[in-house]
Amino acid sequence: MAMLNFNRPADYLDAAREMAKTGRPTLARLLAEEAADRTADTTEADRIRAEFNANSLRQED
């Protein structure tokens, strides 16, 4: 089994798209949020969040 590395926002975004494609919208949204958080460009981060437009499931303090 190949080991996946999550070093870049694109890695999280690729995984999010794969999860969405395989019927895992909750995991897709969480991965997309992580990709957006790791993206320096706020316009791009907003675009990522809009692509996965379900409500956030994160629990923030």
C-alpha atoms as a PDB file:
ATOM      1  CA  MET A   1       0.000   0.000   0.000  1.00  0.00           C
ATOM      2  CA  ALA A   2       1.356   3.417  -0.968  1.00  0.00           C
ATOM      3  CA  MET A   3       1.874   5.952   1.787  1.00  0.00           C
ATOM      4  CA  LEU A   4       0.183   9.285   1.171  1.00  0.00           C
ATOM      5  CA  ASN A   5       1.937  12.489   2.142  1.00  0.00           C
ATOM      6  CA  PHE A   6      -0.001  15.584   3.056  1.00  0.00           C
ATOM      7  CA  ASN A   7       2.569  18.345   2.730  1.00  0.00           C
ATOM      8  CA  ARG A   8       0.747  20.839   0.523  1.00  0.00           C
ATOM      9  CA  PRO A   9      -2.749  22.298   0.345  1.00  0.00           C
ATOM     10  CA  ALA A  10      -3.151  20.516  -2.996  1.00  0.00           C
ATOM     11  CA  ASP A  11      -2.646  17.154  -1.253  1.00  0.00           C
ATOM     12  CA  TYR A  12      -5.594  17.866   1.042  1.00  0.00           C
ATOM     13  CA  LEU A  13      -7.666  19.156  -1.852  1.00  0.00           C
ATOM     14  CA  ASP A  14      -6.968  16.071  -3.959  1.00  0.00           C
ATOM     15  CA  ALA A  15      -8.006  13.875  -1.045  1.00  0.00           C
ATOM     16  CA  ALA A  16     -11.144  15.979  -0.512  1.00  0.00           C
ATOM     17  CA  ARG A  17     -12.172  15.530  -4.123  1.00  0.00           C
ATOM     18  CA  GLU A  18     -11.574  11.787  -3.892  1.00  0.00           C
ATOM     19  CA  MET A  19     -13.695  11.559  -0.738  1.00  0.00           C
ATOM     20  CA  ALA A  20     -16.493  13.541  -2.395  1.00  0.00           C
ATOM     21  CA  LYS A  21     -16.349  11.304  -5.444  1.00  0.00           C
ATOM     22  CA  THR A  22     -16.649   8.178  -3.296  1.00  0.00           C
ATOM     23  CA  GLY A  23     -19.627   9.445  -1.295  1.00  0.00           C
ATOM     24  CA  ARG A  24     -17.902  10.739   1.836  1.00  0.00           C
ATOM     25  CA  PRO A  25     -19.015  14.380   1.958  1.00  0.00           C
ATOM     26  CA  THR A  26     -18.205  14.950   5.620  1.00  0.00           C
ATOM     27  CA  LEU A  27     -14.603  13.853   5.245  1.00  0.00           C
ATOM     28  CA  ALA A  28     -14.383  15.766   1.960  1.00  0.00           C
ATOM     29  CA  ARG A  29     -15.466  18.971   3.692  1.00  0.00           C
ATOM     30  CA  LEU A  30     -12.985  18.543   6.547  1.00  0.00           C
ATOM     31  CA  LEU A  31     -10.117  17.910   4.126  1.00  0.00           C
ATOM     32  CA  ALA A  32     -11.163  20.908   2.023  1.00  0.00           C
ATOM     33  CA  GLU A  33     -11.223  23.127   5.108  1.00  0.00           C
ATOM     34  CA  GLU A  34      -7.702  21.993   5.957  1.00  0.00           C
ATOM     35  CA  ALA A  35      -6.588  22.744   2.389  1.00  0.00           C
ATOM     36  CA  ALA A  36      -8.141  26.205   2.625  1.00  0.00           C
ATOM     37  CA  ASP A  37      -6.489  26.871   5.993  1.00  0.00           C
ATOM     38  CA  ARG A  38      -3.103  25.982   4.509  1.00  0.00           C
ATOM     39  CA  THR A  39      -3.613  28.233   1.472  1.00  0.00           C
ATOM     40  CA  ALA A  40      -1.980  31.652   1.775  1.00  0.00           C
ATOM     41  CA  ASP A  41      -4.124  33.274  -0.927  1.00  0.00           C
ATOM     42  CA  THR A  42      -7.451  34.157   0.697  1.00  0.00           C
ATOM     43  CA  THR A  43      -9.265  34.263  -2.649  1.00  0.00           C
ATOM     44  CA  GLU A  44      -8.132  30.714  -3.406  1.00  0.00           C
ATOM     45  CA  ALA A  45      -9.046  29.592   0.124  1.00  0.00           C
ATOM     46  CA  ASP A  46     -12.550  31.008  -0.362  1.00  0.00           C
ATOM     47  CA  ARG A  47     -12.824  29.199  -3.702  1.00  0.00           C
ATOM     48  CA  ILE A  48     -11.857  25.909  -2.056  1.00  0.00           C
ATOM     49  CA  ARG A  49     -14.459  26.370   0.673  1.00  0.00           C
ATOM     50  CA  ALA A  50     -17.106  27.251  -1.937  1.00  0.00           C
ATOM     51  CA  GLU A  51     -16.333  24.078  -3.900  1.00  0.00           C
ATOM     52  CA  PHE A  52     -17.233  22.080  -0.785  1.00  0.00           C
ATOM     53  CA  ASN A  53     -20.098  24.295   0.335  1.00  0.00           C
ATOM     54  CA  ALA A  54     -21.653  22.118   3.048  1.00  0.00           C
ATOM     55  CA  ASN A  55     -21.713  23.657   6.501  1.00  0.00           C
ATOM     56  CA  SER A  56     -18.505  23.384   8.460  1.00  0.00           C
ATOM     57  CA  LEU A  57     -18.308  20.434  10.811  1.00  0.00           C
ATOM     58  CA  ARG A  58     -15.295  21.637  12.760  1.00  0.00           C
ATOM     59  CA  GLN A  59     -15.534  22.201  16.458  1.00  0.00           C
ATOM     60  CA  GLU A  60     -13.686  25.372  17.369  1.00  0.00           C
ATOM     61  CA  ASP A  61     -12.965  26.515  20.914  1.00  0.00           C
END
